[in-house]
N, C-alpha and C. Protein backbone atom coordinates (compact mmCIF):
# COMPACT_ATOMS: atom_id res chain seq x y z
N MET A 1 112.05 73.47 102.10
CA MET A 1 111.30 74.55 101.12
C MET A 1 112.61 75.99 101.21
N LYS A 2 112.70 75.95 100.63
CA LYS A 2 113.71 77.12 100.61
C LYS A 2 113.13 78.03 100.14
N ILE A 3 112.48 79.83 100.24
CA ILE A 3 111.91 80.21 99.53
C ILE A 3 112.49 82.09 99.50
N ASP A 4 112.23 82.20 97.93
CA ASP A 4 112.72 82.87 97.81
C ASP A 4 112.98 84.63 98.23
N TYR A 5 112.88 85.64 99.13
CA TYR A 5 111.73 86.41 99.54
C TYR A 5 112.48 87.87 98.38
N SER A 6 113.27 87.65 97.74
CA SER A 6 113.59 88.90 96.69
C SER A 6 112.10 89.85 96.02
N LYS A 7 111.57 88.58 95.59
CA LYS A 7 110.38 89.71 95.12
C LYS A 7 109.32 90.17 96.01
N LEU A 8 109.09 89.88 97.36
CA LEU A 8 108.86 90.60 98.75
C LEU A 8 109.70 91.64 98.49
N GLU A 9 111.32 91.93 98.93
CA GLU A 9 111.88 92.46 99.22
C GLU A 9 111.17 93.84 97.80
N LYS A 10 111.57 92.97 96.76
CA LYS A 10 111.53 94.28 95.67
C LYS A 10 109.82 94.94 95.12
N LYS A 11 108.90 94.29 96.00
CA LYS A 11 107.46 95.28 95.89
C LYS A 11 107.78 96.20 96.96
N ILE A 12 108.12 95.87 98.21
CA ILE A 12 107.61 96.81 99.33
C ILE A 12 109.53 97.63 99.02
N ASN A 13 110.13 97.34 98.08
CA ASN A 13 111.40 98.60 98.03
C ASN A 13 112.19 98.65 99.08
N ILE A 14 112.23 97.39 99.88
CA ILE A 14 113.79 97.47 100.71
C ILE A 14 113.95 96.09 100.15
N LYS A 15 115.68 95.89 100.50
CA LYS A 15 116.58 94.62 100.73
C LYS A 15 117.25 95.28 102.19
N PHE A 16 116.87 93.99 103.26
CA PHE A 16 117.62 93.67 104.30
C PHE A 16 119.00 92.77 104.22
N LYS A 17 119.32 93.45 105.08
CA LYS A 17 120.93 93.21 105.40
C LYS A 17 120.73 91.53 106.53
N ASN A 18 120.16 91.83 107.54
CA ASN A 18 119.04 90.99 108.47
C ASN A 18 118.33 90.17 107.95
N LYS A 19 118.44 89.22 106.93
CA LYS A 19 117.16 88.54 106.41
C LYS A 19 117.14 87.59 108.11
N ASN A 20 117.49 87.44 108.86
CA ASN A 20 116.54 86.88 110.21
C ASN A 20 115.64 87.66 110.50
N LEU A 21 115.45 88.47 110.69
CA LEU A 21 114.76 89.17 110.44
C LEU A 21 113.53 88.87 109.70
N LEU A 22 113.84 89.15 108.99
CA LEU A 22 112.15 89.26 107.59
C LEU A 22 112.10 87.72 108.00
N ILE A 23 113.18 86.61 108.46
CA ILE A 23 111.89 85.38 107.98
C ILE A 23 111.35 85.66 108.94
N THR A 24 112.08 85.59 110.61
CA THR A 24 111.12 85.80 111.77
C THR A 24 110.31 86.46 111.48
N SER A 25 110.08 88.10 110.89
CA SER A 25 108.25 89.04 110.69
C SER A 25 107.32 87.64 110.10
N LEU A 26 108.07 86.59 109.36
CA LEU A 26 106.91 86.38 108.43
C LEU A 26 106.64 84.78 109.18
N THR A 27 107.47 84.55 110.57
CA THR A 27 107.03 82.93 111.12
C THR A 27 106.18 83.03 112.45
N HIS A 28 104.80 82.29 112.15
CA HIS A 28 103.77 82.06 112.33
C HIS A 28 104.51 81.17 113.66
N LYS A 29 103.89 81.52 115.24
CA LYS A 29 104.06 80.75 115.96
C LYS A 29 103.54 79.31 115.73
N SER A 30 103.31 79.25 114.84
CA SER A 30 102.46 77.14 114.53
C SER A 30 104.16 76.27 114.30
N PHE A 31 104.78 77.00 113.31
CA PHE A 31 105.49 76.83 112.50
C PHE A 31 107.38 76.94 113.48
N ASN A 32 107.12 77.96 114.10
CA ASN A 32 108.23 77.73 115.95
C ASN A 32 107.57 78.13 116.28
N LYS A 33 107.68 77.74 117.99
CA LYS A 33 106.86 78.46 119.20
C LYS A 33 107.95 79.19 119.71
N LEU A 34 109.18 79.91 120.04
CA LEU A 34 110.08 80.14 120.22
C LEU A 34 110.61 81.69 119.83
N ASN A 35 110.68 81.15 118.30
CA ASN A 35 110.89 81.86 117.66
C ASN A 35 110.38 82.45 116.43
N ASN A 36 109.37 83.25 116.50
CA ASN A 36 107.75 83.60 115.70
C ASN A 36 107.60 85.57 116.00
N ASN A 37 106.39 85.39 115.20
CA ASN A 37 106.38 87.07 114.32
C ASN A 37 105.42 87.96 115.59
N GLU A 38 105.19 87.05 116.99
CA GLU A 38 104.93 87.78 117.54
C GLU A 38 105.02 89.35 118.44
N LYS A 39 106.31 89.21 118.70
CA LYS A 39 106.41 90.51 119.20
C LYS A 39 106.94 91.20 118.75
N MET A 40 107.19 90.92 117.08
CA MET A 40 107.22 91.90 115.76
C MET A 40 106.22 92.54 115.72
N GLU A 41 105.02 91.46 114.87
CA GLU A 41 103.42 92.46 115.51
C GLU A 41 103.33 93.63 116.59
N PHE A 42 103.26 93.10 117.90
CA PHE A 42 103.23 94.20 118.27
C PHE A 42 103.68 95.21 118.13
N LEU A 43 105.23 95.36 117.90
CA LEU A 43 106.27 96.40 117.67
C LEU A 43 105.81 97.52 116.87
N GLY A 44 104.77 96.55 115.33
CA GLY A 44 104.97 96.44 114.14
C GLY A 44 103.28 97.81 114.05
N ASP A 45 102.53 96.66 114.78
CA ASP A 45 101.20 97.30 114.21
C ASP A 45 101.05 99.42 115.52
N ARG A 46 102.91 99.31 116.28
CA ARG A 46 102.55 100.85 116.90
C ARG A 46 102.84 101.53 115.81
N VAL A 47 104.15 100.79 114.90
CA VAL A 47 104.67 102.02 114.13
C VAL A 47 103.87 101.96 113.27
N LEU A 48 103.23 100.99 113.08
CA LEU A 48 101.99 101.54 111.61
C LEU A 48 101.08 102.79 112.10
N GLY A 49 100.64 102.48 113.59
CA GLY A 49 99.45 104.02 114.31
C GLY A 49 99.55 105.40 113.93
N LEU A 50 101.61 105.31 114.85
CA LEU A 50 102.23 106.74 114.69
C LEU A 50 101.98 107.16 113.22
N ILE A 51 103.02 106.41 112.08
CA ILE A 51 102.74 106.67 110.73
C ILE A 51 101.67 107.64 110.33
N ILE A 52 100.40 106.40 110.70
CA ILE A 52 99.33 107.04 110.03
C ILE A 52 98.21 108.03 110.64
N ALA A 53 99.31 108.33 112.38
CA ALA A 53 98.21 108.62 113.11
C ALA A 53 99.29 110.41 112.71
N LYS A 54 100.30 110.00 112.07
CA LYS A 54 101.35 111.12 111.97
C LYS A 54 100.73 112.41 110.64
N LYS A 55 100.36 111.45 109.62
CA LYS A 55 99.90 112.29 108.01
C LYS A 55 98.64 112.40 108.43
N LEU A 56 97.48 111.62 109.30
CA LEU A 56 96.40 112.25 108.85
C LEU A 56 96.23 113.45 109.56
N LEU A 57 96.40 114.25 110.79
CA LEU A 57 97.12 115.07 111.37
C LEU A 57 97.78 116.40 110.57
N GLU A 58 98.35 115.86 109.52
CA GLU A 58 99.53 116.78 108.12
C GLU A 58 97.72 117.05 107.20
N ILE A 59 97.33 115.67 106.91
CA ILE A 59 96.19 116.14 105.72
C ILE A 59 95.04 117.08 106.40
N TYR A 60 94.47 116.31 107.97
CA TYR A 60 93.13 116.91 107.75
C TYR A 60 93.52 118.13 109.41
N PRO A 61 94.87 118.80 109.06
CA PRO A 61 94.59 119.67 110.72
C PRO A 61 93.60 120.34 111.08
N ASN A 62 92.52 119.98 110.75
CA ASN A 62 91.38 121.21 111.00
C ASN A 62 90.28 120.35 111.48
N GLU A 63 90.87 118.72 111.36
CA GLU A 63 88.96 118.07 111.85
C GLU A 63 88.97 117.72 112.52
N LYS A 64 88.20 117.57 113.51
CA LYS A 64 87.60 116.82 114.64
C LYS A 64 88.39 115.76 115.23
N GLU A 65 88.50 115.51 116.52
CA GLU A 65 89.43 114.27 116.96
C GLU A 65 88.62 113.52 116.54
N GLY A 66 87.08 113.17 116.81
CA GLY A 66 86.20 112.33 116.44
C GLY A 66 86.42 111.33 115.04
N ILE A 67 86.05 112.45 114.64
CA ILE A 67 87.25 111.93 112.77
C ILE A 67 88.21 111.44 112.31
N LEU A 68 89.12 112.42 112.58
CA LEU A 68 90.39 111.50 112.82
C LEU A 68 89.85 110.91 113.95
N ASP A 69 89.83 109.64 114.47
CA ASP A 69 89.94 109.00 114.94
C ASP A 69 89.41 107.52 113.59
N LYS A 70 88.23 108.07 113.27
CA LYS A 70 87.26 107.13 112.52
C LYS A 70 88.17 106.69 111.46
N LYS A 71 89.17 107.34 110.97
CA LYS A 71 89.90 107.88 109.21
C LYS A 71 91.08 106.60 110.35
N TYR A 72 91.69 107.05 111.16
CA TYR A 72 92.62 106.35 111.32
C TYR A 72 92.21 105.57 111.62
N ALA A 73 90.93 104.21 112.25
CA ALA A 73 90.71 103.20 112.56
C ALA A 73 90.44 102.42 111.05
N SER A 74 90.15 102.66 110.45
CA SER A 74 89.84 102.23 108.90
C SER A 74 91.53 102.12 108.20
N LEU A 75 92.50 103.16 108.14
CA LEU A 75 93.53 102.64 107.53
C LEU A 75 93.72 101.59 108.76
N VAL A 76 94.35 101.58 110.17
CA VAL A 76 94.55 100.43 110.55
C VAL A 76 93.82 99.51 110.75
N ASN A 77 93.68 99.14 110.65
CA ASN A 77 92.83 98.11 111.23
C ASN A 77 92.96 96.09 110.03
N LYS A 78 92.85 95.77 111.04
CA LYS A 78 93.00 94.09 110.26
C LYS A 78 92.70 94.00 108.51
N LYS A 79 91.75 94.25 108.33
CA LYS A 79 90.77 94.18 107.09
C LYS A 79 91.99 95.12 106.45
N ALA A 80 92.08 96.11 106.76
CA ALA A 80 92.83 97.26 106.00
C ALA A 80 94.47 96.59 106.05
N CYS A 81 95.32 95.90 107.04
CA CYS A 81 95.94 95.28 107.16
C CYS A 81 96.40 94.11 105.56
N LEU A 82 95.43 93.35 106.23
CA LEU A 82 95.38 91.87 105.32
C LEU A 82 95.28 92.94 104.06
N GLU A 83 94.85 93.85 103.06
CA GLU A 83 94.48 94.15 101.50
C GLU A 83 95.62 94.75 101.28
N ILE A 84 96.59 94.82 102.17
CA ILE A 84 97.71 94.97 101.47
C ILE A 84 99.09 94.25 101.75
N ALA A 85 98.26 93.52 102.46
CA ALA A 85 99.80 91.71 102.60
C ALA A 85 99.06 91.12 101.86
N GLU A 86 97.98 91.55 100.96
CA GLU A 86 97.50 90.59 99.73
C GLU A 86 98.04 91.55 98.66
N TYR A 87 97.89 92.42 98.33
CA TYR A 87 98.65 92.87 97.29
C TYR A 87 100.21 92.54 97.17
N ILE A 88 100.37 92.72 98.50
CA ILE A 88 102.31 92.30 98.25
C ILE A 88 102.58 90.55 97.86
N ASP A 89 101.45 89.72 98.08
CA ASP A 89 101.59 88.74 97.78
C ASP A 89 102.01 87.73 99.37
N LEU A 90 102.19 88.39 100.65
CA LEU A 90 102.48 88.25 101.65
C LEU A 90 102.04 86.86 101.82
N LYS A 91 100.93 86.09 101.43
CA LYS A 91 100.79 84.61 102.16
C LYS A 91 101.23 83.50 101.73
N ASN A 92 102.57 84.15 100.41
CA ASN A 92 103.23 83.42 100.02
C ASN A 92 104.48 83.26 100.99
N TYR A 93 105.23 84.15 102.07
CA TYR A 93 106.38 84.02 102.31
C TYR A 93 105.69 83.68 103.30
N ILE A 94 104.85 83.37 104.14
CA ILE A 94 105.37 82.69 105.61
C ILE A 94 104.86 82.09 106.00
N LEU A 95 105.49 81.42 107.26
CA LEU A 95 106.24 79.97 107.56
C LEU A 95 104.97 79.32 108.43
N VAL A 96 103.96 78.62 108.27
CA VAL A 96 102.88 78.35 108.85
C VAL A 96 103.00 76.18 108.88
N PHE A 97 102.31 75.89 110.83
CA PHE A 97 102.93 74.36 110.63
C PHE A 97 101.95 73.62 108.72
N ASN A 98 102.75 72.88 108.20
CA ASN A 98 102.15 72.22 107.98
C ASN A 98 103.12 70.94 107.37
N PRO A 99 102.43 69.71 108.43
CA PRO A 99 103.68 68.94 107.74
C PRO A 99 103.59 68.31 106.56
N LYS A 100 102.14 67.92 106.00
CA LYS A 100 102.18 67.20 104.39
C LYS A 100 102.77 68.23 103.19
N ASN A 101 103.22 69.54 103.75
CA ASN A 101 103.40 70.19 102.88
C ASN A 101 102.83 70.14 101.48
N LYS A 102 101.70 70.14 101.52
CA LYS A 102 101.03 70.72 100.68
C LYS A 102 99.98 72.29 101.00
N PRO A 103 99.60 73.08 99.79
CA PRO A 103 100.03 74.33 99.76
C PRO A 103 98.29 74.50 100.21
N ILE A 104 98.18 75.26 101.90
CA ILE A 104 97.04 75.63 102.44
C ILE A 104 96.54 76.27 101.93
N ASN A 105 95.63 76.98 102.91
CA ASN A 105 95.10 77.90 103.39
C ASN A 105 95.44 78.56 104.80
N ILE A 106 95.98 79.80 104.69
CA ILE A 106 96.33 80.21 105.38
C ILE A 106 94.76 81.77 106.16
N GLU A 107 94.89 81.79 107.16
CA GLU A 107 93.41 82.49 107.87
C GLU A 107 94.39 84.01 106.93
N ASP A 108 93.42 84.66 107.52
CA ASP A 108 93.19 85.80 106.69
C ASP A 108 93.42 87.26 107.95
N LYS A 109 94.01 86.58 108.90
CA LYS A 109 94.16 87.05 111.12
C LYS A 109 95.92 86.80 110.58
N VAL A 110 96.05 85.66 110.73
CA VAL A 110 97.36 84.80 110.35
C VAL A 110 98.34 85.83 109.34
N ILE A 111 97.24 86.68 107.53
CA ILE A 111 98.13 87.33 107.05
C ILE A 111 97.99 88.84 107.52
N SER A 112 97.13 89.75 107.48
CA SER A 112 97.16 90.77 108.64
C SER A 112 97.86 91.07 110.03
N ASP A 113 98.04 90.22 110.47
CA ASP A 113 98.93 90.04 111.92
C ASP A 113 101.37 90.02 111.10
N SER A 114 100.47 89.57 110.12
CA SER A 114 102.25 89.38 109.91
C SER A 114 102.72 90.67 109.05
N CYS A 115 101.62 90.65 108.31
CA CYS A 115 101.73 92.39 107.94
C CYS A 115 102.06 93.38 108.89
N GLU A 116 101.64 93.32 110.39
CA GLU A 116 102.22 93.81 110.77
C GLU A 116 103.48 93.85 111.54
N ALA A 117 103.14 92.93 111.44
CA ALA A 117 105.31 92.03 112.32
C ALA A 117 105.74 92.44 110.93
N LEU A 118 105.55 92.20 109.82
CA LEU A 118 106.60 93.11 108.61
C LEU A 118 107.19 94.26 108.93
N ILE A 119 105.97 95.26 108.51
CA ILE A 119 106.65 96.69 109.55
C ILE A 119 107.78 96.69 110.18
N GLY A 120 107.41 96.05 111.61
CA GLY A 120 108.04 96.01 112.63
C GLY A 120 109.76 95.33 112.11
N ALA A 121 109.77 94.51 111.55
CA ALA A 121 110.61 94.46 111.08
C ALA A 121 111.41 95.17 110.30
N ILE A 122 111.03 95.73 109.65
CA ILE A 122 111.14 97.37 108.69
C ILE A 122 111.52 98.48 109.16
N TYR A 123 111.15 98.43 110.59
CA TYR A 123 111.46 99.13 111.47
C TYR A 123 112.81 99.16 111.78
N LEU A 124 113.03 97.51 112.46
CA LEU A 124 114.18 97.39 113.17
C LEU A 124 115.44 97.20 111.93
N GLU A 125 115.21 97.05 111.08
CA GLU A 125 116.55 97.07 109.70
C GLU A 125 116.81 98.10 109.16
N LYS A 126 115.94 99.18 108.81
CA LYS A 126 115.89 100.59 108.87
C LYS A 126 115.54 101.69 109.47
N GLY A 127 114.80 101.95 110.18
CA GLY A 127 114.92 102.97 110.96
C GLY A 127 113.19 103.45 110.56
N PHE A 128 112.47 104.82 111.12
CA PHE A 128 111.70 105.11 111.24
C PHE A 128 111.32 105.82 110.30
N ASN A 129 112.63 106.80 109.13
CA ASN A 129 112.58 107.64 107.66
C ASN A 129 111.95 106.06 107.39
N ILE A 130 112.90 105.93 106.74
CA ILE A 130 112.77 105.08 105.55
C ILE A 130 110.75 103.58 105.53
N THR A 131 110.78 103.23 106.76
CA THR A 131 109.94 102.67 106.98
C THR A 131 108.78 103.99 107.41
N GLU A 132 108.37 104.82 107.71
CA GLU A 132 107.27 105.74 107.42
C GLU A 132 107.23 105.73 105.36
N LYS A 133 107.91 105.28 105.22
CA LYS A 133 108.37 106.13 103.94
C LYS A 133 108.08 105.40 103.02
N ILE A 134 107.64 103.75 103.06
CA ILE A 134 107.44 102.14 103.11
C ILE A 134 106.00 102.40 103.31
N ILE A 135 105.52 102.32 104.04
CA ILE A 135 104.20 102.87 104.99
C ILE A 135 103.20 103.72 103.53
N LEU A 136 103.66 104.62 103.82
CA LEU A 136 103.00 105.64 103.05
C LEU A 136 102.52 105.81 101.60
N GLU A 137 103.63 105.22 101.60
CA GLU A 137 103.75 104.45 99.61
C GLU A 137 103.22 103.63 99.24
N LEU A 138 102.44 102.63 100.74
CA LEU A 138 101.95 100.94 100.32
C LEU A 138 100.11 101.76 100.74
N TRP A 139 100.54 102.30 101.70
CA TRP A 139 99.04 102.92 102.37
C TRP A 139 98.62 103.88 101.56
N ARG A 140 99.42 104.71 100.03
CA ARG A 140 98.89 105.80 99.91
C ARG A 140 97.20 106.40 98.91
N GLU A 141 96.02 104.76 98.62
CA GLU A 141 95.97 104.93 98.02
C GLU A 141 94.21 104.82 98.73
N LYS A 142 94.50 104.17 100.14
CA LYS A 142 93.63 103.91 101.10
C LYS A 142 93.85 105.49 102.06
N ILE A 143 95.10 106.06 102.63
CA ILE A 143 94.96 107.57 102.72
C ILE A 143 93.79 108.20 102.05
N LYS A 144 93.91 108.56 100.85
CA LYS A 144 93.20 109.47 99.34
C LYS A 144 92.13 109.24 99.93
N LYS A 145 91.31 107.21 100.01
CA LYS A 145 89.69 107.73 100.05
C LYS A 145 89.45 108.15 101.29
N SER A 146 90.70 108.80 102.56
CA SER A 146 90.06 108.51 103.86
C SER A 146 89.27 109.97 103.55
N ALA A 147 89.02 110.58 102.77
CA ALA A 147 88.14 111.84 102.41
C ALA A 147 86.98 111.77 103.02
N ILE A 148 86.06 110.46 102.55
CA ILE A 148 85.27 109.85 103.04
C ILE A 148 85.37 108.14 103.99
N THR A 149 85.21 108.27 104.94
CA THR A 149 85.96 106.96 105.75
C THR A 149 84.69 105.61 105.23
N GLN A 150 85.21 104.74 105.01
CA GLN A 150 84.14 103.55 105.12
C GLN A 150 83.01 103.48 105.93
N ILE A 151 84.68 103.32 106.98
CA ILE A 151 83.70 103.05 108.55
C ILE A 151 82.82 102.95 108.58
N ASP A 152 81.84 105.05 108.61
CA ASP A 152 80.99 105.23 109.10
C ASP A 152 80.38 105.81 107.65
N ALA A 153 80.46 104.70 107.06
CA ALA A 153 80.13 105.61 105.20
C ALA A 153 78.23 105.91 105.43
N LYS A 154 77.95 104.42 105.90
CA LYS A 154 76.40 104.63 106.05
C LYS A 154 75.74 105.51 107.80
N THR A 155 76.63 105.91 107.84
CA THR A 155 75.81 106.37 109.13
C THR A 155 75.54 107.88 108.77
N LYS A 156 77.07 108.50 107.22
CA LYS A 156 76.98 109.69 106.82
C LYS A 156 75.86 109.62 105.58
N LEU A 157 76.23 108.38 104.72
CA LEU A 157 74.47 108.26 104.04
C LEU A 157 73.60 108.50 103.91
N GLN A 158 72.83 108.33 105.52
CA GLN A 158 72.01 108.26 106.02
C GLN A 158 71.71 110.05 106.52
N GLU A 159 72.52 110.84 106.57
CA GLU A 159 72.07 111.98 107.66
C GLU A 159 72.45 112.78 106.34
N PHE A 160 72.99 113.13 105.19
CA PHE A 160 72.97 113.04 103.88
C PHE A 160 72.01 113.44 103.00
N SER A 161 71.49 112.07 102.75
CA SER A 161 69.56 111.91 102.32
C SER A 161 68.19 112.60 102.91
N LEU A 162 68.11 112.04 104.48
CA LEU A 162 67.85 112.84 105.38
C LEU A 162 67.80 114.32 105.59
N LYS A 163 69.06 115.58 105.34
CA LYS A 163 69.06 116.80 104.97
C LYS A 163 68.80 116.93 104.18
N LYS A 164 68.45 116.42 102.28
CA LYS A 164 68.70 117.06 101.33
C LYS A 164 66.91 116.55 100.50
N PHE A 165 67.19 114.83 101.03
CA PHE A 165 65.98 113.86 100.44
C PHE A 165 64.94 114.29 101.18
N LYS A 166 64.87 114.32 102.41
CA LYS A 166 63.85 114.09 104.21
C LYS A 166 63.62 112.74 103.68
N LYS A 167 64.53 111.57 103.22
CA LYS A 167 64.01 110.61 103.00
C LYS A 167 65.14 109.28 103.87
N LEU A 168 65.43 108.04 103.91
CA LEU A 168 65.93 107.22 104.68
C LEU A 168 66.61 107.15 102.65
N PRO A 169 68.13 106.61 102.83
CA PRO A 169 68.45 105.95 101.71
C PRO A 169 67.45 104.78 101.31
N ILE A 170 67.78 103.67 100.75
CA ILE A 170 66.83 102.75 100.10
C ILE A 170 67.97 101.35 99.57
N TYR A 171 68.15 100.23 100.20
CA TYR A 171 68.86 99.15 101.12
C TYR A 171 68.08 98.06 99.96
N LYS A 172 68.86 96.98 99.05
CA LYS A 172 68.09 95.97 98.50
C LYS A 172 68.43 94.90 98.85
N THR A 173 69.22 94.12 99.18
CA THR A 173 70.51 92.90 98.72
C THR A 173 69.87 91.82 97.45
N ILE A 174 71.45 91.79 96.64
CA ILE A 174 71.32 91.17 95.96
C ILE A 174 71.42 90.39 96.10
N SER A 175 72.46 89.59 96.07
CA SER A 175 72.74 88.81 96.11
C SER A 175 73.21 87.96 97.62
N ASN A 176 73.39 86.65 97.85
CA ASN A 176 74.58 86.34 99.03
C ASN A 176 74.98 84.23 98.37
N THR A 177 76.05 84.79 97.42
CA THR A 177 76.97 83.36 96.85
C THR A 177 78.54 83.18 98.11
N GLY A 178 78.16 82.01 97.11
CA GLY A 178 79.39 81.32 98.36
C GLY A 178 79.58 80.10 99.14
N PRO A 179 80.01 80.13 99.19
CA PRO A 179 80.40 78.82 100.48
C PRO A 179 79.73 79.22 101.78
N ARG A 180 79.24 78.32 102.56
CA ARG A 180 78.49 78.85 103.87
C ARG A 180 79.45 79.88 104.66
N HIS A 181 81.26 78.87 105.08
CA HIS A 181 82.02 79.14 105.60
C HIS A 181 82.41 80.92 105.21
N LYS A 182 82.61 81.24 103.93
CA LYS A 182 83.51 82.60 103.43
C LYS A 182 82.73 83.17 102.43
N PRO A 183 81.06 83.87 102.82
CA PRO A 183 79.92 84.16 102.12
C PRO A 183 79.98 85.41 101.26
N ILE A 184 79.74 85.45 99.50
CA ILE A 184 80.12 86.76 99.68
C ILE A 184 78.42 87.59 98.56
N PHE A 185 77.97 88.80 99.57
CA PHE A 185 77.19 89.48 99.63
C PHE A 185 76.98 90.70 98.93
N LYS A 186 76.28 91.41 97.89
CA LYS A 186 75.94 91.99 97.26
C LYS A 186 74.16 92.84 97.83
N VAL A 187 74.63 93.72 97.80
CA VAL A 187 74.11 94.83 98.30
C VAL A 187 73.93 96.61 97.25
N ALA A 188 72.87 96.49 96.80
CA ALA A 188 72.12 98.03 96.29
C ALA A 188 71.36 99.46 97.26
N VAL A 189 72.28 100.51 96.98
CA VAL A 189 71.52 101.38 97.82
C VAL A 189 71.50 102.59 96.86
N LYS A 190 70.13 102.91 96.67
CA LYS A 190 69.93 104.54 96.10
C LYS A 190 69.86 105.89 96.87
N LEU A 191 69.24 106.28 96.43
CA LEU A 191 68.89 107.73 96.84
C LEU A 191 67.68 108.15 96.26
N ASP A 192 66.83 109.45 96.62
CA ASP A 192 66.07 109.47 96.19
C ASP A 192 65.57 109.97 94.71
N ASN A 193 66.73 110.94 93.97
CA ASN A 193 67.45 110.87 92.76
C ASN A 193 68.46 110.14 92.43
N THR A 194 68.67 109.08 92.30
CA THR A 194 69.54 108.80 91.87
C THR A 194 70.01 107.05 91.36
N LYS A 195 69.81 106.53 90.55
CA LYS A 195 70.29 105.03 90.19
C LYS A 195 71.27 103.88 91.73
N PHE A 196 70.61 102.78 91.55
CA PHE A 196 71.48 102.31 93.12
C PHE A 196 73.20 101.93 92.42
N PHE A 197 73.68 101.70 93.86
CA PHE A 197 75.34 101.57 93.98
C PHE A 197 75.26 100.81 94.50
N ASN A 198 76.38 99.42 93.52
CA ASN A 198 76.26 98.00 93.96
C ASN A 198 77.11 98.15 94.68
N GLY A 199 77.49 97.23 96.16
CA GLY A 199 79.12 97.51 97.22
C GLY A 199 79.07 95.82 97.70
N GLU A 200 80.21 94.75 97.71
CA GLU A 200 80.07 93.42 98.46
C GLU A 200 81.04 93.73 100.04
N GLY A 201 80.66 92.46 100.31
CA GLY A 201 81.39 92.30 101.47
C GLY A 201 81.25 91.43 102.01
N LYS A 202 81.81 90.32 103.44
CA LYS A 202 81.61 88.85 103.48
C LYS A 202 80.25 88.86 104.90
N SER A 203 80.45 90.43 104.38
CA SER A 203 78.36 90.18 105.52
C SER A 203 77.74 90.95 105.09
N LYS A 204 76.59 91.37 105.47
CA LYS A 204 76.34 92.23 104.69
C LYS A 204 75.77 93.55 104.82
N LYS A 205 76.18 93.73 106.30
CA LYS A 205 77.56 94.95 107.34
C LYS A 205 77.80 95.69 105.82
N GLU A 206 79.32 94.70 106.24
CA GLU A 206 79.86 95.27 105.43
C GLU A 206 79.03 95.81 103.38
N ALA A 207 78.42 94.89 103.08
CA ALA A 207 78.18 95.01 101.57
C ALA A 207 77.14 96.47 101.97
N GLU A 208 76.90 96.73 102.58
CA GLU A 208 76.05 97.81 102.96
C GLU A 208 77.19 98.84 103.13
N GLN A 209 78.87 98.88 103.67
CA GLN A 209 78.87 99.85 104.34
C GLN A 209 79.41 100.47 102.87
N SER A 210 79.76 99.49 101.88
CA SER A 210 81.03 99.31 100.51
C SER A 210 79.98 100.52 99.38
N ALA A 211 78.69 100.10 99.84
CA ALA A 211 76.99 100.13 98.55
C ALA A 211 77.64 101.41 98.83
N ALA A 212 77.45 102.36 99.88
CA ALA A 212 77.12 103.50 101.07
C ALA A 212 78.46 104.16 100.72
N PHE A 213 79.40 103.73 100.74
CA PHE A 213 80.61 104.26 100.16
C PHE A 213 81.10 105.28 98.57
N LEU A 214 80.62 103.79 98.05
CA LEU A 214 80.78 104.50 96.54
C LEU A 214 78.85 105.53 96.30
N CYS A 215 78.31 105.41 96.98
CA CYS A 215 77.19 106.43 96.72
C CYS A 215 77.19 107.30 96.73
N LEU A 216 78.18 107.32 98.32
CA LEU A 216 78.37 109.39 99.03
C LEU A 216 80.05 109.90 97.46
N GLU A 217 80.87 108.65 97.76
CA GLU A 217 81.69 109.20 96.68
C GLU A 217 81.54 110.07 95.86
N LYS A 218 79.60 109.53 95.00
CA LYS A 218 79.85 110.26 93.69
C LYS A 218 78.97 111.47 94.64
N ASN A 219 78.23 111.00 94.92
CA ASN A 219 77.29 112.15 95.03
C ASN A 219 77.55 114.06 96.20
N PHE A 220 78.87 113.23 96.83
CA PHE A 220 79.37 114.54 96.59
C PHE A 220 81.06 115.16 96.01
N LYS A 221 80.67 114.66 95.20
CA LYS A 221 82.35 114.74 93.97
C LYS A 221 80.93 116.83 93.36
């Protein structure tokens, strides 16, 4: 089956002259053991890291290195790459071993790895400046939210609550739904004088972080 990459190219605002670069960046090793995206993923991971680190230094010139490191980690991790990949519908273009040629579920790690490989391909095709422009556009909303690092939101909320109310935040689990291999947790959190803020995640810990992030966002405004 021939894949039409034009919609993907439109989504990322780039036209590949060398289509083989694009195709290789989206080829998993299960599909082709010799010519796959592993090396491009290696490159893309480094390119993404450099661009995000550079941008964070521009936005937060007076921030401590430890805080910058946490912001950086939240922007370049597998979860962030997966969310960007989902935004551009990347899984529709990834080549994986599929002997029956039927719709299959592609693992999240394969999708996020392919996102990094795509970045590597863009860099090889267009160079650093254009790659930087594309990355900063795709990551724009995530970078905006980096003012409060979600990965450390629970700790920040605890510090905030203890300082202001001399009490710990109150968490409660609302629900745990979905199949056992792919659960969805809903958790709520409140401070001494606030309503409950709800968060969702693939684990209880992730849901707590999400709820804490929302609570912080409202109370720090």
